[in-house]
Amino acid sequence: MKILVGFSRIFVAALFLFSGFIKLNDPIGFSYKLSEYFGEGVLNLEFLIPFSLLIAVFLVIFEVIVGITLILGYLPKFTVWSLLLMIGFFTFLTFYSAYFNKVTDCGCFGDALPLTPWESFTKDVILLILILLLFFGRKYITPILPITSHKWIVFVCFTGCLGFAYYVLMHLPVFDFRAYKIGTNIQEGMSVPEGAPEAIFEYNWKFKVDGKETIVTTNGDYPTVEGTFVDVETKMIDEGYIPPIHDFAIEKDGEDLTVEFLNKENLILIVQYNLSKSELEGMGAVKALTDKALAQGYDVIGLTASLPKDMSEMKQRFDLNFDYYNTDETALKTILRSNPGIVQVKKGTIVEKLHYNDADQLILEKVAPSKPRINIQLKSALDSIMKLDQAGRNAGDISWEEQQVIDSTNTLFIEEVIKKYGYPGKTLVGEKTSRAAWLILQHSDKIETYLPLIKEAGAKAELPLTSVAMMEDRYLMQQHKEQLYGTQGKKLHAGTKEELPIIWPIQNADSVNERRTKVGFEATIEEYCQHLLGVEYKKYTLDEITKLEAKIPQ
């Protein structure tokens, strides 16, 4: 028994000290985990969420102190009772979390050693057994060092823990175990290695066969069953490979700008996961830093999960000269334990992370400013004329005669834009709006004039190649020539009252799907025809079209 107690004493103390110190290094991260446990659907103790950080600091310091008293043999009765109560509570919590799949990582060892719920429960069961040995064999827990020194050692350790906790709260964790630590390339962290295991799902298909419910299980294929389909349930068997960074994105108005910003040579990110919860005393330091960074040639943006209204209010209140973009709240909490906080990024690699209290420590050398990201005024104007272009085509809010007048005006506007900027592509107005000028020209009589410019924009990746293909096909159809990609359809009357929907003749039609795939079309010609015209695809020659058109009544 003495040997078992001795082993348990060392093992339990070491584990509590390790676990406590890891969480003490990042009490804010542990407080996030406690908030998950306190939340609705787990323990339903939401009134405790505002006190999560206070509780987190108390628990981790207590965990360290109990580990120290166990090693010293100081107050053994108090120590083993504390250990037993703690492990009893945490064993229940990890079982509840694992069984009901409530919290996917218990946070026992912070980000240093993530554990699944069942791994956490297993660990707690082992600890419970060892602590029970300590409880029933506490007479074998003999003191080490002079007993008079114990309380001073505990006092010094307690004071040191408080000081360390204060330091990491006022700055940042000393040790960073997260996926966004300094030196990490975010784009590489999001990539999936070739040959990585894919997620495996199980599909339980429910059918009614002869009045009875039948369930057929497959890995995804629709089963061949003589019966009526009722429902399908999907269950993940293996989640496959998940990259270290899997929830990071930079968005604005529904447009994904992640790659664009991560390719910036000199970028400063102001991280504020929730603007309403930001430490406002830090905004003065943020304002001074960002103004200096902009003057030195850096790109500066804010990342938040807050609403546009909150972004505007924050910008106006502190006279900020940068724009906010949307990013997932959990990702922002993981990136930085400061709200607000500063991250310096170079070509997607994190080179510095700072708490707002340390903003003045960021060294900003003068750099060559990057080209303007987006012409906001031009983007807004192009977005507006895109809506006008579709007004009479989709919604039918205006007559066709009015639409033709709008098309003519839009074409004149686009021609002026092209004279001033060249083709207004992705770099100038963003990916979503890059199709605006193409769309107007596609509906104009200027295709022949501007097709070379459109092809050039596609070659420079300023415009999707699918758009280039569609304009090239339309031009060929207008010239009564075979198209290349099968994007253009037409409805002929063919001498009858009923319309005959066709895909315009295609050059080398047998290989059209290869050409479509090469420029980025996902649908085959057969699928596209069904979607566009609602009929099965049929090949036509130019001679056949000429004969059909000759039958159209004049």
Protein backbone atom coordinates (compact mmCIF):
# COMPACT_ATOMS: atom_id res chain seq x y z
CA MET A 1 0.00 0.00 0.00
CA LYS A 2 2.84 2.34 0.85
CA ILE A 3 4.40 1.77 -2.58
CA LEU A 4 1.06 2.31 -4.35
CA VAL A 5 0.44 5.52 -2.41
CA GLY A 6 3.95 6.72 -3.19
CA PHE A 7 3.52 6.08 -6.91
CA SER A 8 0.03 7.66 -6.94
CA ARG A 9 1.33 10.71 -5.05
CA ILE A 10 4.05 11.41 -7.61
CA PHE A 11 1.89 10.63 -10.66
CA VAL A 12 -1.18 12.63 -9.52
CA ALA A 13 0.90 15.60 -8.35
CA ALA A 14 2.85 15.70 -11.62
CA LEU A 15 -0.34 15.53 -13.68
CA PHE A 16 -2.07 18.26 -11.65
CA LEU A 17 1.00 20.51 -11.84
CA PHE A 18 1.35 19.99 -15.59
CA SER A 19 -2.36 20.46 -16.27
CA GLY A 20 -2.59 23.48 -13.97
CA PHE A 21 0.47 25.22 -15.39
CA ILE A 22 -0.63 24.67 -19.02
CA LYS A 23 -3.99 26.29 -18.25
CA LEU A 24 -2.36 28.99 -16.09
CA ASN A 25 -0.31 29.92 -19.15
CA ASP A 26 -3.60 30.58 -21.01
CA PRO A 27 -6.43 31.30 -18.54
CA ILE A 28 -8.47 33.11 -21.20
CA GLY A 29 -8.47 29.96 -23.35
CA PHE A 30 -9.61 27.91 -20.35
CA SER A 31 -12.35 30.47 -19.65
CA TYR A 32 -13.66 29.97 -23.20
CA LYS A 33 -13.88 26.25 -22.49
CA LEU A 34 -15.71 26.87 -19.21
CA SER A 35 -18.17 29.11 -21.05
CA GLU A 36 -18.92 26.15 -23.34
CA TYR A 37 -19.66 23.95 -20.32
CA PHE A 38 -21.81 26.65 -18.69
CA GLY A 39 -23.73 27.27 -21.91
CA GLU A 40 -27.19 26.22 -22.96
CA GLY A 41 -27.44 22.56 -23.87
CA VAL A 42 -24.53 21.49 -21.66
CA LEU A 43 -24.84 22.42 -17.96
CA ASN A 44 -27.32 25.26 -18.56
CA LEU A 45 -25.53 27.49 -16.04
CA GLU A 46 -25.47 30.56 -18.25
CA PHE A 47 -25.48 32.94 -15.26
CA LEU A 48 -21.88 31.81 -14.64
CA ILE A 49 -20.60 32.74 -18.11
CA PRO A 50 -19.72 36.37 -17.14
CA PHE A 51 -17.55 34.94 -14.34
CA SER A 52 -15.79 32.34 -16.51
CA LEU A 53 -12.40 34.07 -16.44
CA LEU A 54 -12.47 34.58 -12.66
CA ILE A 55 -13.44 30.93 -12.13
CA ALA A 56 -10.77 29.80 -14.60
CA VAL A 57 -7.98 31.67 -12.77
CA PHE A 58 -9.14 30.33 -9.39
CA LEU A 59 -9.36 26.73 -10.62
CA VAL A 60 -5.96 26.61 -12.32
CA ILE A 61 -4.15 28.21 -9.38
CA PHE A 62 -5.93 25.84 -6.99
CA GLU A 63 -4.95 22.90 -9.24
CA VAL A 64 -1.27 23.93 -9.09
CA ILE A 65 -1.35 24.53 -5.32
CA VAL A 66 -2.99 21.16 -4.62
CA GLY A 67 -0.28 19.49 -6.72
CA ILE A 68 2.38 21.27 -4.63
CA THR A 69 0.78 20.40 -1.26
CA LEU A 70 0.55 16.75 -2.37
CA ILE A 71 4.26 16.65 -3.21
CA LEU A 72 5.18 18.41 0.06
CA GLY A 73 2.83 16.29 2.17
CA TYR A 74 1.33 19.52 3.53
CA LEU A 75 -2.22 19.31 4.96
CA PRO A 76 -2.76 15.78 3.57
CA LYS A 77 -6.40 15.52 4.70
CA PHE A 78 -7.34 18.83 3.02
CA THR A 79 -5.30 17.88 -0.05
CA VAL A 80 -6.82 14.45 -0.69
CA TRP A 81 -10.36 15.70 -0.05
CA SER A 82 -9.76 18.54 -2.52
CA LEU A 83 -8.37 16.10 -5.08
CA LEU A 84 -11.29 13.71 -4.61
CA LEU A 85 -13.94 16.41 -4.96
CA MET A 86 -12.25 17.89 -8.03
CA ILE A 87 -11.75 14.59 -9.82
CA GLY A 88 -15.28 13.46 -8.93
CA PHE A 89 -16.74 16.57 -10.51
CA PHE A 90 -14.51 16.43 -13.59
CA THR A 91 -15.14 12.71 -14.11
CA PHE A 92 -18.88 13.39 -14.16
CA LEU A 93 -18.35 16.36 -16.49
CA THR A 94 -16.19 14.50 -19.01
CA PHE A 95 -18.55 11.51 -19.04
CA TYR A 96 -21.55 13.79 -19.60
CA SER A 97 -19.67 15.61 -22.37
CA ALA A 98 -18.53 12.38 -24.05
CA TYR A 99 -21.81 10.47 -23.77
CA PHE A 100 -23.97 13.33 -25.02
CA ASN A 101 -21.24 14.72 -27.36
CA LYS A 102 -21.56 18.21 -25.88
CA VAL A 103 -17.99 19.56 -25.80
CA THR A 104 -15.49 18.05 -28.23
CA ASP A 105 -12.36 18.92 -26.20
CA CYS A 106 -12.39 19.08 -22.41
CA GLY A 107 -9.56 21.62 -22.26
CA CYS A 108 -7.79 19.60 -19.52
CA PHE A 109 -4.37 20.36 -20.98
CA GLY A 110 -5.30 23.47 -22.96
CA ASP A 111 -4.09 23.51 -26.56
CA ALA A 112 -0.88 21.69 -25.66
CA LEU A 113 -2.51 18.26 -25.60
CA PRO A 114 -6.06 18.19 -27.01
CA LEU A 115 -8.08 15.17 -25.90
CA THR A 116 -11.31 13.73 -27.27
CA PRO A 117 -14.21 13.50 -24.77
CA TRP A 118 -13.75 9.74 -24.24
CA GLU A 119 -9.96 10.14 -23.85
CA SER A 120 -10.64 12.80 -21.20
CA PHE A 121 -13.08 10.52 -19.39
CA THR A 122 -10.60 7.62 -19.44
CA LYS A 123 -7.89 9.87 -18.04
CA ASP A 124 -10.21 11.03 -15.24
CA VAL A 125 -11.20 7.45 -14.35
CA ILE A 126 -7.51 6.51 -13.97
CA LEU A 127 -6.94 9.61 -11.84
CA LEU A 128 -10.01 8.79 -9.73
CA ILE A 129 -8.61 5.34 -8.94
CA LEU A 130 -5.21 6.77 -7.98
CA ILE A 131 -6.78 9.52 -5.86
CA LEU A 132 -8.93 6.94 -4.04
CA LEU A 133 -5.69 5.11 -3.21
CA LEU A 134 -4.36 8.39 -1.80
CA PHE A 135 -7.59 8.98 0.10
CA PHE A 136 -7.61 5.62 1.84
CA GLY A 137 -3.86 5.54 2.29
CA ARG A 138 -3.32 9.15 3.32
CA LYS A 139 -1.46 8.04 6.48
CA TYR A 140 1.39 7.09 4.13
CA ILE A 141 1.60 10.66 2.76
CA THR A 142 4.55 11.78 4.86
CA PRO A 143 5.99 15.32 4.65
CA ILE A 144 9.18 16.14 2.81
CA LEU A 145 11.35 19.09 3.85
CA PRO A 146 10.85 20.71 7.25
CA ILE A 147 7.13 21.15 8.04
CA THR A 148 7.72 24.79 9.06
CA SER A 149 8.83 25.58 5.50
CA HIS A 150 5.70 24.17 3.84
CA LYS A 151 3.41 27.15 4.32
CA TRP A 152 6.09 29.52 3.02
CA ILE A 153 6.67 27.37 -0.03
CA VAL A 154 2.92 27.27 -0.69
CA PHE A 155 2.67 31.04 -0.15
CA VAL A 156 5.54 31.74 -2.56
CA CYS A 157 4.04 29.39 -5.18
CA PHE A 158 0.60 30.95 -4.75
CA THR A 159 2.05 34.45 -5.17
CA GLY A 160 4.05 33.30 -8.20
CA CYS A 161 0.92 31.82 -9.79
CA LEU A 162 -1.00 35.06 -9.24
CA GLY A 163 1.84 37.07 -10.74
CA PHE A 164 2.14 34.74 -13.75
CA ALA A 165 -1.62 34.82 -14.33
CA TYR A 166 -1.60 38.62 -14.19
CA TYR A 167 1.29 38.78 -16.66
CA VAL A 168 -0.33 36.54 -19.31
CA LEU A 169 -3.65 38.37 -18.95
CA MET A 170 -2.00 41.77 -19.44
CA HIS A 171 0.15 40.53 -22.31
CA LEU A 172 -0.18 37.14 -24.07
CA PRO A 173 0.49 33.49 -23.14
CA VAL A 174 4.22 32.87 -22.73
CA PHE A 175 3.94 29.53 -24.55
CA ASP A 176 1.73 29.39 -27.65
CA PHE A 177 0.46 25.90 -28.48
CA ARG A 178 -2.23 27.03 -30.92
CA ALA A 179 -2.37 26.60 -34.70
CA TYR A 180 -1.74 30.35 -35.20
CA LYS A 181 1.58 30.67 -33.37
CA ILE A 182 4.33 32.95 -34.67
CA GLY A 183 6.02 31.44 -37.74
CA THR A 184 2.87 29.72 -38.98
CA ASN A 185 1.85 30.19 -42.60
CA ILE A 186 -1.94 30.37 -42.53
CA GLN A 187 -2.44 29.15 -46.09
CA GLU A 188 -0.21 26.14 -45.52
CA GLY A 189 -2.08 25.44 -42.28
CA MET A 190 -5.34 25.29 -44.23
CA SER A 191 -4.05 22.92 -46.92
CA VAL A 192 -4.83 19.21 -47.03
CA PRO A 193 -1.86 16.98 -47.93
CA GLU A 194 -2.18 14.80 -51.00
CA GLY A 195 -3.44 11.36 -50.07
CA ALA A 196 -4.80 12.48 -46.68
CA PRO A 197 -7.69 10.31 -45.42
CA GLU A 198 -11.12 11.60 -46.38
CA ALA A 199 -14.19 11.70 -44.19
CA ILE A 200 -16.31 8.53 -44.25
CA PHE A 201 -20.07 8.73 -43.85
CA GLU A 202 -22.74 6.12 -43.35
CA TYR A 203 -26.14 6.71 -44.94
CA ASN A 204 -29.22 5.01 -43.50
CA TRP A 205 -31.95 5.12 -46.15
CA LYS A 206 -35.50 4.60 -44.95
CA PHE A 207 -38.06 3.11 -47.37
CA LYS A 208 -41.58 1.79 -47.14
CA VAL A 209 -41.75 -1.63 -48.72
CA ASP A 210 -45.13 -3.35 -48.77
CA GLY A 211 -46.31 -1.09 -45.96
CA LYS A 212 -43.32 -1.87 -43.73
CA GLU A 213 -40.38 0.40 -42.90
CA THR A 214 -37.06 -0.86 -44.24
CA ILE A 215 -33.64 0.69 -43.59
CA VAL A 216 -30.80 0.19 -46.08
CA THR A 217 -27.27 1.31 -45.16
CA THR A 218 -24.74 2.48 -47.77
CA ASN A 219 -21.62 4.65 -47.94
CA GLY A 220 -23.37 7.21 -50.09
CA ASP A 221 -24.85 5.49 -53.14
CA TYR A 222 -28.59 5.62 -53.53
CA PRO A 223 -29.82 2.04 -52.95
CA THR A 224 -31.95 0.13 -55.42
CA VAL A 225 -35.07 -0.68 -53.42
CA GLU A 226 -38.56 -1.58 -54.60
CA GLY A 227 -40.42 0.82 -52.34
CA THR A 228 -41.18 4.44 -51.46
CA PHE A 229 -38.35 6.62 -50.18
CA VAL A 230 -39.12 8.13 -46.75
CA ASP A 231 -35.98 9.67 -45.26
CA VAL A 232 -32.21 9.39 -44.98
CA GLU A 233 -29.97 9.83 -41.94
CA THR A 234 -26.26 10.57 -42.26
CA LYS A 235 -23.70 9.49 -39.68
CA MET A 236 -19.96 10.30 -39.74
CA ILE A 237 -17.88 7.16 -39.23
CA ASP A 238 -14.47 8.79 -39.63
CA GLU A 239 -13.91 12.54 -39.92
CA GLY A 240 -10.74 12.02 -41.95
CA TYR A 241 -7.89 14.53 -42.00
CA ILE A 242 -8.70 17.96 -40.60
CA PRO A 243 -6.05 20.63 -41.28
CA PRO A 244 -4.75 22.56 -38.23
CA ILE A 245 -6.42 25.72 -39.56
CA HIS A 246 -9.87 24.96 -40.93
CA ASP A 247 -12.15 27.85 -39.93
CA PHE A 248 -10.24 30.95 -41.08
CA ALA A 249 -11.65 33.23 -43.76
CA ILE A 250 -11.72 36.97 -44.45
CA GLU A 251 -15.03 38.09 -45.94
CA LYS A 252 -16.81 41.30 -46.87
CA ASP A 253 -20.38 41.52 -48.22
CA GLY A 254 -20.38 37.80 -48.95
CA GLU A 255 -17.10 37.94 -50.89
CA ASP A 256 -14.18 35.75 -49.80
CA LEU A 257 -11.00 37.86 -49.72
CA THR A 258 -8.81 35.44 -47.75
CA VAL A 259 -6.27 34.65 -50.46
CA GLU A 260 -6.02 38.28 -51.53
CA PHE A 261 -5.09 39.51 -48.05
CA LEU A 262 -2.84 36.57 -47.21
CA ASN A 263 -0.80 37.38 -50.31
CA LYS A 264 -0.10 40.90 -49.01
CA GLU A 265 3.57 41.63 -48.41
CA ASN A 266 2.98 43.75 -45.28
CA LEU A 267 -0.30 43.34 -43.43
CA ILE A 268 -1.44 44.35 -39.96
CA LEU A 269 -4.52 42.60 -38.54
CA ILE A 270 -6.48 44.15 -35.69
CA VAL A 271 -8.25 41.19 -34.08
CA GLN A 272 -11.49 41.90 -32.19
CA TYR A 273 -13.65 38.80 -32.04
CA ASN A 274 -16.59 40.80 -30.67
CA LEU A 275 -16.62 44.60 -30.86
CA SER A 276 -19.15 44.94 -28.05
CA LYS A 277 -16.80 43.00 -25.73
CA SER A 278 -13.61 44.82 -26.74
CA GLU A 279 -11.48 46.43 -24.04
CA LEU A 280 -12.09 50.03 -25.05
CA GLU A 281 -9.04 51.28 -23.15
CA GLY A 282 -6.97 49.46 -25.77
CA MET A 283 -8.47 51.32 -28.73
CA GLY A 284 -6.27 54.37 -28.17
CA ALA A 285 -3.17 52.21 -28.65
CA VAL A 286 -4.78 50.56 -31.69
CA LYS A 287 -5.57 53.96 -33.23
CA ALA A 288 -1.98 55.20 -32.76
CA LEU A 289 -0.48 51.97 -34.12
CA THR A 290 -2.73 51.68 -37.18
CA ASP A 291 -2.27 55.34 -38.16
CA LYS A 292 1.51 54.84 -37.99
CA ALA A 293 1.32 51.56 -39.93
CA LEU A 294 -0.75 53.14 -42.71
CA ALA A 295 1.70 56.06 -42.93
CA GLN A 296 4.58 53.56 -43.19
CA GLY A 297 2.94 51.82 -46.17
CA TYR A 298 1.33 48.80 -44.45
CA ASP A 299 -2.09 47.39 -45.27
CA VAL A 300 -4.30 47.44 -42.18
CA ILE A 301 -7.64 45.67 -41.67
CA GLY A 302 -9.78 44.70 -38.70
CA LEU A 303 -11.15 41.19 -38.21
CA THR A 304 -14.34 40.67 -36.24
CA ALA A 305 -17.44 38.50 -36.09
CA SER A 306 -19.61 41.53 -35.29
CA LEU A 307 -22.31 43.08 -37.46
CA PRO A 308 -21.69 45.93 -39.97
CA LYS A 309 -23.55 48.36 -37.68
CA ASP A 310 -21.08 47.65 -34.85
CA MET A 311 -18.17 48.04 -37.27
CA SER A 312 -19.37 51.49 -38.37
CA GLU A 313 -19.91 52.63 -34.77
CA MET A 314 -16.41 51.48 -33.73
CA LYS A 315 -14.79 53.22 -36.71
CA GLN A 316 -16.65 56.46 -36.04
CA ARG A 317 -16.14 56.44 -32.28
CA PHE A 318 -12.36 56.07 -32.45
CA ASP A 319 -11.79 57.71 -35.86
CA LEU A 320 -10.22 54.54 -37.26
CA ASN A 321 -8.72 54.69 -40.74
CA PHE A 322 -9.06 51.01 -41.63
CA ASP A 323 -11.99 48.78 -42.58
CA TYR A 324 -13.36 45.79 -40.70
CA TYR A 325 -13.92 42.38 -42.30
CA ASN A 326 -15.78 39.32 -41.05
CA THR A 327 -14.03 36.23 -39.67
CA ASP A 328 -15.35 33.36 -37.57
CA GLU A 329 -15.46 34.24 -33.86
CA THR A 330 -13.89 30.97 -32.69
CA ALA A 331 -11.01 31.42 -35.14
CA LEU A 332 -10.37 34.95 -33.84
CA LYS A 333 -10.43 33.77 -30.23
CA THR A 334 -7.88 31.11 -31.17
CA ILE A 335 -5.59 33.49 -33.04
CA LEU A 336 -5.12 35.94 -30.19
CA ARG A 337 -6.00 36.11 -26.48
CA SER A 338 -6.49 39.87 -26.59
CA ASN A 339 -9.53 41.87 -27.65
CA PRO A 340 -8.29 44.03 -29.33
CA GLY A 341 -5.00 42.52 -30.37
CA ILE A 342 -2.42 43.01 -33.13
CA VAL A 343 -1.09 40.44 -35.60
CA GLN A 344 1.59 41.21 -38.19
CA VAL A 345 1.43 39.01 -41.29
CA LYS A 346 3.87 38.77 -44.19
CA LYS A 347 2.74 36.82 -47.27
CA GLY A 348 0.41 34.76 -45.10
CA THR A 349 3.00 34.03 -42.37
CA ILE A 350 2.44 35.33 -38.83
CA VAL A 351 5.57 37.25 -37.81
CA GLU A 352 4.32 38.97 -34.64
CA LYS A 353 1.41 38.86 -32.19
CA LEU A 354 0.84 41.50 -29.54
CA HIS A 355 -1.59 42.38 -26.78
CA TYR A 356 -2.85 45.96 -27.03
CA ASN A 357 -0.77 46.77 -23.93
CA ASP A 358 2.34 46.00 -26.01
CA ALA A 359 1.29 47.82 -29.18
CA ASP A 360 4.18 50.30 -28.84
CA GLN A 361 6.67 47.42 -29.08
CA LEU A 362 5.81 46.68 -32.71
CA ILE A 363 8.64 47.92 -34.93
CA LEU A 364 7.31 49.23 -38.24
CA GLU A 365 9.88 50.03 -40.89
CA LYS A 366 8.79 52.06 -43.89
CA VAL A 367 7.69 49.77 -46.74
CA ALA A 368 6.44 50.24 -50.28
CA PRO A 369 2.63 50.42 -50.13
CA SER A 370 0.73 47.74 -52.02
CA LYS A 371 -1.56 48.60 -54.87
CA PRO A 372 -5.04 49.74 -53.82
CA ARG A 373 -7.14 46.70 -53.00
CA ILE A 374 -10.44 47.65 -54.53
CA ASN A 375 -11.92 50.78 -56.03
CA ILE A 376 -14.97 50.95 -53.77
CA GLN A 377 -16.75 53.69 -55.74
CA LEU A 378 -16.33 51.87 -59.04
CA LYS A 379 -17.38 48.57 -57.45
CA SER A 380 -20.55 50.19 -56.12
CA ALA A 381 -21.37 51.69 -59.53
CA LEU A 382 -20.80 48.37 -61.31
CA ASP A 383 -22.91 46.50 -58.76
CA SER A 384 -25.75 48.94 -59.46
CA ILE A 385 -25.66 48.57 -63.23
CA MET A 386 -25.54 44.77 -62.86
CA LYS A 387 -28.88 44.99 -61.07
CA LEU A 388 -30.24 47.21 -63.85
CA ASP A 389 -28.99 44.76 -66.45
CA GLN A 390 -31.05 41.98 -64.87
CA ALA A 391 -34.13 44.08 -64.10
CA GLY A 392 -36.07 43.19 -67.23
CA ARG A 393 -34.47 39.79 -67.81
CA ASN A 394 -35.21 38.06 -64.53
CA ALA A 395 -37.70 39.99 -62.42
CA GLY A 396 -39.73 41.35 -65.31
CA ASP A 397 -40.29 44.64 -63.46
CA ILE A 398 -39.83 46.68 -66.63
CA SER A 399 -40.74 46.31 -70.30
CA TRP A 400 -38.32 44.99 -72.90
CA GLU A 401 -38.23 48.40 -74.59
CA GLU A 402 -37.16 50.01 -71.30
CA GLN A 403 -34.55 47.30 -70.82
CA GLN A 404 -33.03 48.07 -74.23
CA VAL A 405 -32.66 51.74 -73.26
CA ILE A 406 -30.96 50.67 -70.01
CA ASP A 407 -28.63 48.32 -71.92
CA SER A 408 -27.59 51.13 -74.22
CA THR A 409 -26.85 53.47 -71.31
CA ASN A 410 -24.99 50.75 -69.42
CA THR A 411 -22.83 50.02 -72.47
CA LEU A 412 -21.82 53.69 -72.77
CA PHE A 413 -20.88 53.73 -69.08
CA ILE A 414 -18.77 50.55 -69.39
CA GLU A 415 -16.95 51.95 -72.42
CA GLU A 416 -15.97 55.02 -70.39
CA VAL A 417 -14.79 52.78 -67.53
CA ILE A 418 -12.66 50.72 -69.94
CA LYS A 419 -11.10 53.89 -71.40
CA LYS A 420 -10.08 54.98 -67.89
CA TYR A 421 -9.12 51.71 -66.18
CA GLY A 422 -8.88 49.02 -68.82
CA TYR A 423 -11.03 46.00 -68.04
CA PRO A 424 -12.40 46.41 -64.44
CA GLY A 425 -11.44 42.97 -63.20
CA LYS A 426 -10.94 41.14 -59.93
CA THR A 427 -8.00 43.23 -58.72
CA LEU A 428 -9.87 46.51 -59.20
CA VAL A 429 -13.42 45.66 -58.12
CA GLY A 430 -13.31 42.20 -56.51
CA GLU A 431 -14.13 38.75 -57.83
CA LYS A 432 -17.90 39.05 -57.57
CA THR A 433 -18.08 42.37 -59.45
CA SER A 434 -15.42 41.43 -62.02
CA ARG A 435 -18.20 40.01 -64.25
CA ALA A 436 -20.15 43.30 -64.35
CA ALA A 437 -18.49 44.80 -67.43
CA TRP A 438 -18.55 41.41 -69.16
CA LEU A 439 -22.27 41.05 -68.46
CA ILE A 440 -23.09 44.45 -69.99
CA LEU A 441 -20.96 43.78 -73.05
CA GLN A 442 -22.46 40.29 -73.42
CA HIS A 443 -25.87 41.96 -73.80
CA SER A 444 -24.64 44.65 -76.19
CA ASP A 445 -23.76 44.87 -79.89
CA LYS A 446 -20.09 45.52 -78.98
CA ILE A 447 -18.94 41.93 -78.51
CA GLU A 448 -16.75 41.91 -81.62
CA THR A 449 -15.03 45.13 -80.46
CA TYR A 450 -14.29 44.03 -76.91
CA LEU A 451 -13.78 40.25 -77.22
CA PRO A 452 -9.95 40.65 -77.41
CA LEU A 453 -10.04 42.68 -74.17
CA ILE A 454 -12.21 40.04 -72.51
CA LYS A 455 -9.78 37.29 -73.56
CA GLU A 456 -6.87 39.31 -72.15
CA ALA A 457 -8.71 39.77 -68.82
CA GLY A 458 -9.30 36.01 -68.65
CA ALA A 459 -5.64 35.26 -69.36
CA LYS A 460 -4.64 37.55 -66.47
CA ALA A 461 -7.17 35.87 -64.12
CA GLU A 462 -9.05 39.15 -63.81
CA LEU A 463 -12.19 37.46 -65.15
CA PRO A 464 -13.32 33.82 -64.90
CA LEU A 465 -12.47 31.80 -68.02
CA THR A 466 -16.06 30.55 -68.06
CA SER A 467 -17.19 34.11 -68.82
CA VAL A 468 -14.63 34.43 -71.62
CA ALA A 469 -15.91 31.16 -73.09
CA MET A 470 -19.51 32.36 -73.03
CA MET A 471 -18.70 35.58 -74.85
CA GLU A 472 -16.61 33.77 -77.43
CA ASP A 473 -19.48 31.33 -78.04
CA ARG A 474 -21.98 34.17 -78.40
CA TYR A 475 -19.75 35.94 -80.90
CA LEU A 476 -19.38 32.74 -82.95
CA MET A 477 -23.14 32.18 -82.91
CA GLN A 478 -23.75 35.77 -84.06
CA GLN A 479 -21.36 35.06 -86.97
CA HIS A 480 -23.36 31.91 -87.73
CA LYS A 481 -20.34 29.77 -86.86
CA GLU A 482 -19.97 26.73 -84.62
CA GLN A 483 -19.38 27.57 -80.96
CA LEU A 484 -16.60 26.01 -78.88
CA TYR A 485 -18.00 25.38 -75.42
CA GLY A 486 -21.73 24.86 -75.97
CA THR A 487 -22.81 27.77 -73.74
CA GLN A 488 -25.30 29.31 -76.18
CA GLY A 489 -28.79 28.03 -76.78
CA LYS A 490 -31.64 29.21 -78.95
CA LYS A 491 -35.36 28.61 -79.38
CA LEU A 492 -36.56 28.07 -82.95
CA HIS A 493 -40.16 27.91 -84.17
CA ALA A 494 -39.31 25.65 -87.12
CA GLY A 495 -42.52 26.44 -88.96
CA THR A 496 -44.81 25.49 -86.09
CA LYS A 497 -46.37 27.26 -83.15
CA GLU A 498 -44.25 25.24 -80.72
CA GLU A 499 -40.70 26.35 -79.92
CA LEU A 500 -37.77 24.06 -80.54
CA PRO A 501 -35.07 24.70 -77.91
CA ILE A 502 -31.58 23.81 -79.14
CA ILE A 503 -27.94 24.16 -78.18
CA TRP A 504 -26.24 26.05 -81.03
CA PRO A 505 -23.99 23.75 -83.13
CA ILE A 506 -20.63 22.95 -81.52
CA GLN A 507 -17.27 22.50 -83.20
CA ASN A 508 -15.90 18.99 -82.51
CA ALA A 509 -18.91 18.29 -80.30
CA ASP A 510 -17.57 14.92 -79.12
CA SER A 511 -14.78 16.64 -77.15
CA VAL A 512 -16.78 19.63 -75.89
CA ASN A 513 -16.90 18.36 -72.30
CA GLU A 514 -13.10 18.29 -72.17
CA ARG A 515 -12.99 21.92 -73.30
CA ARG A 516 -15.68 22.87 -70.81
CA THR A 517 -13.78 21.28 -67.93
CA LYS A 518 -10.55 22.99 -68.97
CA VAL A 519 -12.03 26.49 -68.64
CA GLY A 520 -13.85 25.72 -65.39
CA PHE A 521 -17.39 24.59 -66.22
CA GLU A 522 -18.58 21.95 -63.75
CA ALA A 523 -21.62 20.75 -65.71
CA THR A 524 -21.34 18.59 -68.81
CA ILE A 525 -23.03 19.75 -72.02
CA GLU A 526 -25.83 17.27 -71.34
CA GLU A 527 -26.42 18.62 -67.82
CA TYR A 528 -26.14 22.22 -69.00
CA CYS A 529 -28.67 21.71 -71.80
CA GLN A 530 -31.15 20.18 -69.37
CA HIS A 531 -30.67 23.11 -66.95
CA LEU A 532 -30.77 25.86 -69.58
CA LEU A 533 -33.47 24.60 -71.92
CA GLY A 534 -35.16 21.78 -70.03
CA VAL A 535 -34.58 19.26 -72.82
CA GLU A 536 -32.10 16.49 -73.58
CA TYR A 537 -29.02 17.56 -75.51
CA LYS A 538 -29.08 16.91 -79.27
CA LYS A 539 -26.31 17.67 -81.75
CA TYR A 540 -27.17 19.95 -84.66
CA THR A 541 -25.10 21.02 -87.65
CA LEU A 542 -25.08 24.51 -89.14
CA ASP A 543 -26.83 23.16 -92.24
CA GLU A 544 -29.62 21.72 -90.09
CA ILE A 545 -30.02 25.05 -88.30
CA THR A 546 -30.11 26.90 -91.62
CA LYS A 547 -32.89 24.61 -92.87
CA LEU A 548 -34.83 24.98 -89.61
CA GLU A 549 -34.51 28.77 -89.66
CA ALA A 550 -35.72 28.82 -93.25
CA LYS A 551 -39.01 27.32 -92.04
CA ILE A 552 -39.63 30.07 -89.49
CA PRO A 553 -42.69 32.05 -90.64
CA GLN A 554 -41.94 35.64 -91.57
